[in-house]
Amino acid sequence: IVDIAVSVEDFSTLVTALKAADLVGALKGDG
């Protein structure tokens, strides 16, 4: 999910927010 979000320019604010909230690792998890 994170790799896809990072690769889509229209998700740049979402990615910034995920990093600020320290949620990148969680959304890279198994799910």
PDB file of all heavy atoms in Angstrom:
ATOM      1  N   ILE A   1       0.824  -1.213   0.000  1.00  0.00           N
ATOM      2  CA  ILE A   1       0.000   0.000   0.000  1.00  0.00           C
ATOM      3  C   ILE A   1       0.859   1.265   0.000  1.00  0.00           C
ATOM      4  O   ILE A   1       0.607   2.196  -0.761  1.00  0.00           O
ATOM      5  CB  ILE A   1      -0.981  -0.025   1.192  1.00  0.00           C
ATOM      6  CG1 ILE A   1      -2.063  -1.082   0.916  1.00  0.00           C
ATOM      7  CG2 ILE A   1      -1.582   1.340   1.465  1.00  0.00           C
ATOM      8  CD1 ILE A   1      -2.924  -1.438   2.099  1.00  0.00           C
ATOM      9  N   VAL A   2       1.896   1.291   0.823  1.00  0.00           N
ATOM     10  CA  VAL A   2       2.752   2.471   0.901  1.00  0.00           C
ATOM     11  C   VAL A   2       3.521   2.672  -0.396  1.00  0.00           C
ATOM     12  O   VAL A   2       3.615   3.801  -0.902  1.00  0.00           O
ATOM     13  CB  VAL A   2       3.710   2.380   2.111  1.00  0.00           C
ATOM     14  CG1 VAL A   2       4.694   3.534   2.112  1.00  0.00           C
ATOM     15  CG2 VAL A   2       2.926   2.355   3.416  1.00  0.00           C
ATOM     16  N   ASP A   3       4.069   1.595  -0.963  1.00  0.00           N
ATOM     17  CA  ASP A   3       4.808   1.709  -2.226  1.00  0.00           C
ATOM     18  C   ASP A   3       3.929   2.306  -3.328  1.00  0.00           C
ATOM     19  O   ASP A   3       4.381   3.145  -4.106  1.00  0.00           O
ATOM     20  CB  ASP A   3       5.331   0.345  -2.686  1.00  0.00           C
ATOM     21  CG  ASP A   3       6.398  -0.232  -1.769  1.00  0.00           C
ATOM     22  OD1 ASP A   3       7.050   0.544  -1.044  1.00  0.00           O
ATOM     23  OD2 ASP A   3       6.569  -1.469  -1.780  1.00  0.00           O
ATOM     24  N   ILE A   4       2.682   1.856  -3.379  1.00  0.00           N
ATOM     25  CA  ILE A   4       1.758   2.395  -4.386  1.00  0.00           C
ATOM     26  C   ILE A   4       1.490   3.877  -4.115  1.00  0.00           C
ATOM     27  O   ILE A   4       1.544   4.698  -5.029  1.00  0.00           O
ATOM     28  CB  ILE A   4       0.452   1.577  -4.427  1.00  0.00           C
ATOM     29  CG1 ILE A   4       0.735   0.176  -4.997  1.00  0.00           C
ATOM     30  CG2 ILE A   4      -0.617   2.298  -5.267  1.00  0.00           C
ATOM     31  CD1 ILE A   4      -0.437  -0.786  -4.881  1.00  0.00           C
ATOM     32  N   ALA A   5       1.216   4.218  -2.860  1.00  0.00           N
ATOM     33  CA  ALA A   5       0.934   5.619  -2.520  1.00  0.00           C
ATOM     34  C   ALA A   5       2.111   6.521  -2.881  1.00  0.00           C
ATOM     35  O   ALA A   5       1.919   7.601  -3.439  1.00  0.00           O
ATOM     36  CB  ALA A   5       0.591   5.745  -1.039  1.00  0.00           C
ATOM     37  N   VAL A   6       3.322   6.061  -2.590  1.00  0.00           N
ATOM     38  CA  VAL A   6       4.524   6.850  -2.906  1.00  0.00           C
ATOM     39  C   VAL A   6       4.673   7.043  -4.414  1.00  0.00           C
ATOM     40  O   VAL A   6       5.130   8.086  -4.871  1.00  0.00           O
ATOM     41  CB  VAL A   6       5.784   6.179  -2.301  1.00  0.00           C
ATOM     42  CG1 VAL A   6       7.063   6.772  -2.851  1.00  0.00           C
ATOM     43  CG2 VAL A   6       5.747   6.287  -0.781  1.00  0.00           C
ATOM     44  N   SER A   7       4.243   6.060  -5.194  1.00  0.00           N
ATOM     45  CA  SER A   7       4.417   6.124  -6.648  1.00  0.00           C
ATOM     46  C   SER A   7       3.361   6.975  -7.358  1.00  0.00           C
ATOM     47  O   SER A   7       3.472   7.224  -8.551  1.00  0.00           O
ATOM     48  CB  SER A   7       4.424   4.711  -7.246  1.00  0.00           C
ATOM     49  OG  SER A   7       3.123   4.143  -7.227  1.00  0.00           O
ATOM     50  N   VAL A   8       2.342   7.444  -6.635  1.00  0.00           N
ATOM     51  CA  VAL A   8       1.255   8.228  -7.234  1.00  0.00           C
ATOM     52  C   VAL A   8       1.364   9.672  -6.748  1.00  0.00           C
ATOM     53  O   VAL A   8       1.199   9.951  -5.556  1.00  0.00           O
ATOM     54  CB  VAL A   8      -0.122   7.636  -6.868  1.00  0.00           C
ATOM     55  CG1 VAL A   8      -1.251   8.505  -7.417  1.00  0.00           C
ATOM     56  CG2 VAL A   8      -0.247   6.207  -7.371  1.00  0.00           C
ATOM     57  N   GLU A   9       1.643  10.581  -7.655  1.00  0.00           N
ATOM     58  CA  GLU A   9       1.830  12.002  -7.308  1.00  0.00           C
ATOM     59  C   GLU A   9       0.621  12.574  -6.565  1.00  0.00           C
ATOM     60  O   GLU A   9       0.770  13.390  -5.662  1.00  0.00           O
ATOM     61  CB  GLU A   9       2.111  12.813  -8.578  1.00  0.00           C
ATOM     62  CG  GLU A   9       2.245  14.310  -8.347  1.00  0.00           C
ATOM     63  CD  GLU A   9       3.401  14.702  -7.420  1.00  0.00           C
ATOM     64  OE1 GLU A   9       4.435  14.007  -7.414  1.00  0.00           O
ATOM     65  OE2 GLU A   9       3.264  15.699  -6.693  1.00  0.00           O
ATOM     66  N   ASP A  10      -0.588  12.135  -6.912  1.00  0.00           N
ATOM     67  CA  ASP A  10      -1.794  12.681  -6.295  1.00  0.00           C
ATOM     68  C   ASP A  10      -1.987  12.208  -4.851  1.00  0.00           C
ATOM     69  O   ASP A  10      -2.945  12.586  -4.189  1.00  0.00           O
ATOM     70  CB  ASP A  10      -3.026  12.357  -7.138  1.00  0.00           C
ATOM     71  CG  ASP A  10      -4.114  13.417  -7.013  1.00  0.00           C
ATOM     72  OD1 ASP A  10      -3.816  14.542  -6.548  1.00  0.00           O
ATOM     73  OD2 ASP A  10      -5.265  13.117  -7.360  1.00  0.00           O
ATOM     74  N   PHE A  11      -1.070  11.369  -4.350  1.00  0.00           N
ATOM     75  CA  PHE A  11      -1.099  10.950  -2.951  1.00  0.00           C
ATOM     76  C   PHE A  11       0.045  11.581  -2.150  1.00  0.00           C
ATOM     77  O   PHE A  11       0.338  11.150  -1.037  1.00  0.00           O
ATOM     78  CB  PHE A  11      -0.983   9.422  -2.839  1.00  0.00           C
ATOM     79  CG  PHE A  11      -2.201   8.655  -3.265  1.00  0.00           C
ATOM     80  CD1 PHE A  11      -2.061   7.395  -3.808  1.00  0.00           C
ATOM     81  CD2 PHE A  11      -3.480   9.170  -3.119  1.00  0.00           C
ATOM     82  CE1 PHE A  11      -3.158   6.658  -4.204  1.00  0.00           C
ATOM     83  CE2 PHE A  11      -4.592   8.446  -3.516  1.00  0.00           C
ATOM     84  CZ  PHE A  11      -4.433   7.179  -4.054  1.00  0.00           C
ATOM     85  N   SER A  12       0.692  12.610  -2.677  1.00  0.00           N
ATOM     86  CA  SER A  12       1.864  13.176  -1.992  1.00  0.00           C
ATOM     87  C   SER A  12       1.515  13.737  -0.612  1.00  0.00           C
ATOM     88  O   SER A  12       2.291  13.582   0.341  1.00  0.00           O
ATOM     89  CB  SER A  12       2.553  14.231  -2.855  1.00  0.00           C
ATOM     90  OG  SER A  12       1.694  15.319  -3.110  1.00  0.00           O
ATOM     91  N   THR A  13       0.363  14.351  -0.452  1.00  0.00           N
ATOM     92  CA  THR A  13      -0.032  14.866   0.857  1.00  0.00           C
ATOM     93  C   THR A  13      -0.317  13.713   1.809  1.00  0.00           C
ATOM     94  O   THR A  13       0.073  13.752   2.982  1.00  0.00           O
ATOM     95  CB  THR A  13      -1.259  15.794   0.751  1.00  0.00           C
ATOM     96  OG1 THR A  13      -0.993  16.811  -0.213  1.00  0.00           O
ATOM     97  CG2 THR A  13      -1.590  16.431   2.093  1.00  0.00           C
ATOM     98  N   LEU A  14      -0.966  12.673   1.310  1.00  0.00           N
ATOM     99  CA  LEU A  14      -1.224  11.483   2.128  1.00  0.00           C
ATOM    100  C   LEU A  14       0.089  10.867   2.608  1.00  0.00           C
ATOM    101  O   LEU A  14       0.231  10.529   3.785  1.00  0.00           O
ATOM    102  CB  LEU A  14      -2.039  10.459   1.335  1.00  0.00           C
ATOM    103  CG  LEU A  14      -2.276   9.111   2.014  1.00  0.00           C
ATOM    104  CD1 LEU A  14      -3.073   9.271   3.309  1.00  0.00           C
ATOM    105  CD2 LEU A  14      -2.995   8.160   1.060  1.00  0.00           C
ATOM    106  N   VAL A  15       1.047  10.735   1.718  1.00  0.00           N
ATOM    107  CA  VAL A  15       2.341  10.166   2.083  1.00  0.00           C
ATOM    108  C   VAL A  15       3.034  11.032   3.135  1.00  0.00           C
ATOM    109  O   VAL A  15       3.577  10.515   4.115  1.00  0.00           O
ATOM    110  CB  VAL A  15       3.232   9.960   0.825  1.00  0.00           C
ATOM    111  CG1 VAL A  15       4.655   9.581   1.216  1.00  0.00           C
ATOM    112  CG2 VAL A  15       2.619   8.898  -0.080  1.00  0.00           C
ATOM    113  N   THR A  16       2.992  12.345   2.965  1.00  0.00           N
ATOM    114  CA  THR A  16       3.571  13.264   3.955  1.00  0.00           C
ATOM    115  C   THR A  16       2.904  13.045   5.317  1.00  0.00           C
ATOM    116  O   THR A  16       3.580  12.987   6.354  1.00  0.00           O
ATOM    117  CB  THR A  16       3.394  14.728   3.504  1.00  0.00           C
ATOM    118  OG1 THR A  16       4.113  14.914   2.288  1.00  0.00           O
ATOM    119  CG2 THR A  16       3.889  15.709   4.550  1.00  0.00           C
ATOM    120  N   ALA A  17       1.588  12.903   5.315  1.00  0.00           N
ATOM    121  CA  ALA A  17       0.852  12.694   6.560  1.00  0.00           C
ATOM    122  C   ALA A  17       1.187  11.337   7.183  1.00  0.00           C
ATOM    123  O   ALA A  17       1.347  11.238   8.408  1.00  0.00           O
ATOM    124  CB  ALA A  17      -0.650  12.814   6.308  1.00  0.00           C
ATOM    125  N   LEU A  18       1.291  10.306   6.371  1.00  0.00           N
ATOM    126  CA  LEU A  18       1.655   8.973   6.882  1.00  0.00           C
ATOM    127  C   LEU A  18       3.022   9.002   7.556  1.00  0.00           C
ATOM    128  O   LEU A  18       3.215   8.396   8.617  1.00  0.00           O
ATOM    129  CB  LEU A  18       1.643   7.934   5.766  1.00  0.00           C
ATOM    130  CG  LEU A  18       0.285   7.537   5.205  1.00  0.00           C
ATOM    131  CD1 LEU A  18       0.447   6.662   3.962  1.00  0.00           C
ATOM    132  CD2 LEU A  18      -0.543   6.821   6.271  1.00  0.00           C
ATOM    133  N   LYS A  19       3.953   9.719   6.945  1.00  0.00           N
ATOM    134  CA  LYS A  19       5.290   9.846   7.536  1.00  0.00           C
ATOM    135  C   LYS A  19       5.223  10.622   8.847  1.00  0.00           C
ATOM    136  O   LYS A  19       5.830  10.226   9.847  1.00  0.00           O
ATOM    137  CB  LYS A  19       6.243  10.527   6.553  1.00  0.00           C
ATOM    138  CG  LYS A  19       6.605   9.649   5.368  1.00  0.00           C
ATOM    139  CD  LYS A  19       7.482  10.397   4.373  1.00  0.00           C
ATOM    140  CE  LYS A  19       7.802   9.537   3.164  1.00  0.00           C
ATOM    141  NZ  LYS A  19       8.569  10.295   2.142  1.00  0.00           N
ATOM    142  N   ALA A  20       4.481  11.727   8.867  1.00  0.00           N
ATOM    143  CA  ALA A  20       4.376  12.560  10.066  1.00  0.00           C
ATOM    144  C   ALA A  20       3.715  11.801  11.223  1.00  0.00           C
ATOM    145  O   ALA A  20       4.048  12.018  12.385  1.00  0.00           O
ATOM    146  CB  ALA A  20       3.598  13.840   9.759  1.00  0.00           C
ATOM    147  N   ALA A  21       2.791  10.908  10.905  1.00  0.00           N
ATOM    148  CA  ALA A  21       2.083  10.135  11.928  1.00  0.00           C
ATOM    149  C   ALA A  21       2.815   8.836  12.275  1.00  0.00           C
ATOM    150  O   ALA A  21       2.359   8.073  13.123  1.00  0.00           O
ATOM    151  CB  ALA A  21       0.666   9.814  11.449  1.00  0.00           C
ATOM    152  N   ASP A  22       3.920   8.596  11.597  1.00  0.00           N
ATOM    153  CA  ASP A  22       4.720   7.385  11.813  1.00  0.00           C
ATOM    154  C   ASP A  22       3.905   6.115  11.546  1.00  0.00           C
ATOM    155  O   ASP A  22       3.965   5.140  12.301  1.00  0.00           O
ATOM    156  CB  ASP A  22       5.300   7.374  13.226  1.00  0.00           C
ATOM    157  CG  ASP A  22       6.474   6.423  13.368  1.00  0.00           C
ATOM    158  OD1 ASP A  22       7.110   6.093  12.344  1.00  0.00           O
ATOM    159  OD2 ASP A  22       6.758   5.987  14.507  1.00  0.00           O
ATOM    160  N   LEU A  23       3.126   6.133  10.451  1.00  0.00           N
ATOM    161  CA  LEU A  23       2.282   4.990  10.089  1.00  0.00           C
ATOM    162  C   LEU A  23       2.799   4.204   8.884  1.00  0.00           C
ATOM    163  O   LEU A  23       2.190   3.222   8.486  1.00  0.00           O
ATOM    164  CB  LEU A  23       0.850   5.462   9.813  1.00  0.00           C
ATOM    165  CG  LEU A  23       0.063   5.935  11.029  1.00  0.00           C
ATOM    166  CD1 LEU A  23      -1.282   6.517  10.602  1.00  0.00           C
ATOM    167  CD2 LEU A  23      -0.136   4.797  12.017  1.00  0.00           C
ATOM    168  N   VAL A  24       3.917   4.627   8.313  1.00  0.00           N
ATOM    169  CA  VAL A  24       4.445   3.954   7.126  1.00  0.00           C
ATOM    170  C   VAL A  24       4.713   2.486   7.429  1.00  0.00           C
ATOM    171  O   VAL A  24       4.310   1.593   6.682  1.00  0.00           O
ATOM    172  CB  VAL A  24       5.710   4.671   6.592  1.00  0.00           C
ATOM    173  CG1 VAL A  24       6.391   3.845   5.516  1.00  0.00           C
ATOM    174  CG2 VAL A  24       5.343   6.048   6.057  1.00  0.00           C
ATOM    175  N   GLY A  25       5.394   2.214   8.533  1.00  0.00           N
ATOM    176  CA  GLY A  25       5.724   0.830   8.898  1.00  0.00           C
ATOM    177  C   GLY A  25       4.487  -0.028   9.071  1.00  0.00           C
ATOM    178  O   GLY A  25       4.446  -1.179   8.621  1.00  0.00           O
ATOM    179  N   ALA A  26       3.455   0.519   9.709  1.00  0.00           N
ATOM    180  CA  ALA A  26       2.215  -0.236   9.931  1.00  0.00           C
ATOM    181  C   ALA A  26       1.547  -0.598   8.605  1.00  0.00           C
ATOM    182  O   ALA A  26       1.098  -1.735   8.415  1.00  0.00           O
ATOM    183  CB  ALA A  26       1.259   0.567  10.802  1.00  0.00           C
ATOM    184  N   LEU A  27       1.499   0.351   7.665  1.00  0.00           N
ATOM    185  CA  LEU A  27       0.843   0.080   6.378  1.00  0.00           C
ATOM    186  C   LEU A  27       1.723  -0.694   5.405  1.00  0.00           C
ATOM    187  O   LEU A  27       1.276  -1.073   4.339  1.00  0.00           O
ATOM    188  CB  LEU A  27       0.342   1.377   5.748  1.00  0.00           C
ATOM    189  CG  LEU A  27      -0.883   1.973   6.429  1.00  0.00           C
ATOM    190  CD1 LEU A  27      -1.282   3.287   5.782  1.00  0.00           C
ATOM    191  CD2 LEU A  27      -2.056   1.003   6.416  1.00  0.00           C
ATOM    192  N   LYS A  28       2.974  -0.932   5.782  1.00  0.00           N
ATOM    193  CA  LYS A  28       3.826  -1.826   5.011  1.00  0.00           C
ATOM    194  C   LYS A  28       3.725  -3.248   5.573  1.00  0.00           C
ATOM    195  O   LYS A  28       4.285  -4.182   5.029  1.00  0.00           O
ATOM    196  CB  LYS A  28       5.284  -1.354   5.024  1.00  0.00           C
ATOM    197  CG  LYS A  28       5.526  -0.142   4.129  1.00  0.00           C
ATOM    198  CD  LYS A  28       6.967   0.272   4.099  1.00  0.00           C
ATOM    199  CE  LYS A  28       7.768  -0.166   2.921  1.00  0.00           C
ATOM    200  NZ  LYS A  28       7.210  -0.383   1.637  1.00  0.00           N
ATOM    201  N   GLY A  29       2.987  -3.393   6.672  1.00  0.00           N
ATOM    202  CA  GLY A  29       2.820  -4.690   7.325  1.00  0.00           C
ATOM    203  C   GLY A  29       1.995  -5.648   6.485  1.00  0.00           C
ATOM    204  O   GLY A  29       1.502  -5.320   5.410  1.00  0.00           O
ATOM    205  N   ASP A  30       1.830  -6.856   7.023  1.00  0.00           N
ATOM    206  CA  ASP A  30       1.153  -7.930   6.294  1.00  0.00           C
ATOM    207  C   ASP A  30      -0.297  -7.632   5.954  1.00  0.00           C
ATOM    208  O   ASP A  30      -0.798  -8.049   4.928  1.00  0.00           O
ATOM    209  CB  ASP A  30       1.218  -9.234   7.088  1.00  0.00           C
ATOM    210  CG  ASP A  30       2.629  -9.790   7.167  1.00  0.00           C
ATOM    211  OD1 ASP A  30       3.455  -9.435   6.300  1.00  0.00           O
ATOM    212  OD2 ASP A  30       2.905 -10.570   8.090  1.00  0.00           O
ATOM    213  N   GLY A  31      -0.996  -6.934   6.835  1.00  0.00           N
ATOM    214  CA  GLY A  31      -2.406  -6.665   6.577  1.00  0.00           C
ATOM    215  C   GLY A  31      -3.220  -7.942   6.662  1.00  0.00           C
ATOM    216  O   GLY A  31      -2.898  -8.810   7.457  1.00  0.00           O
TER     217      GLY A  31
END
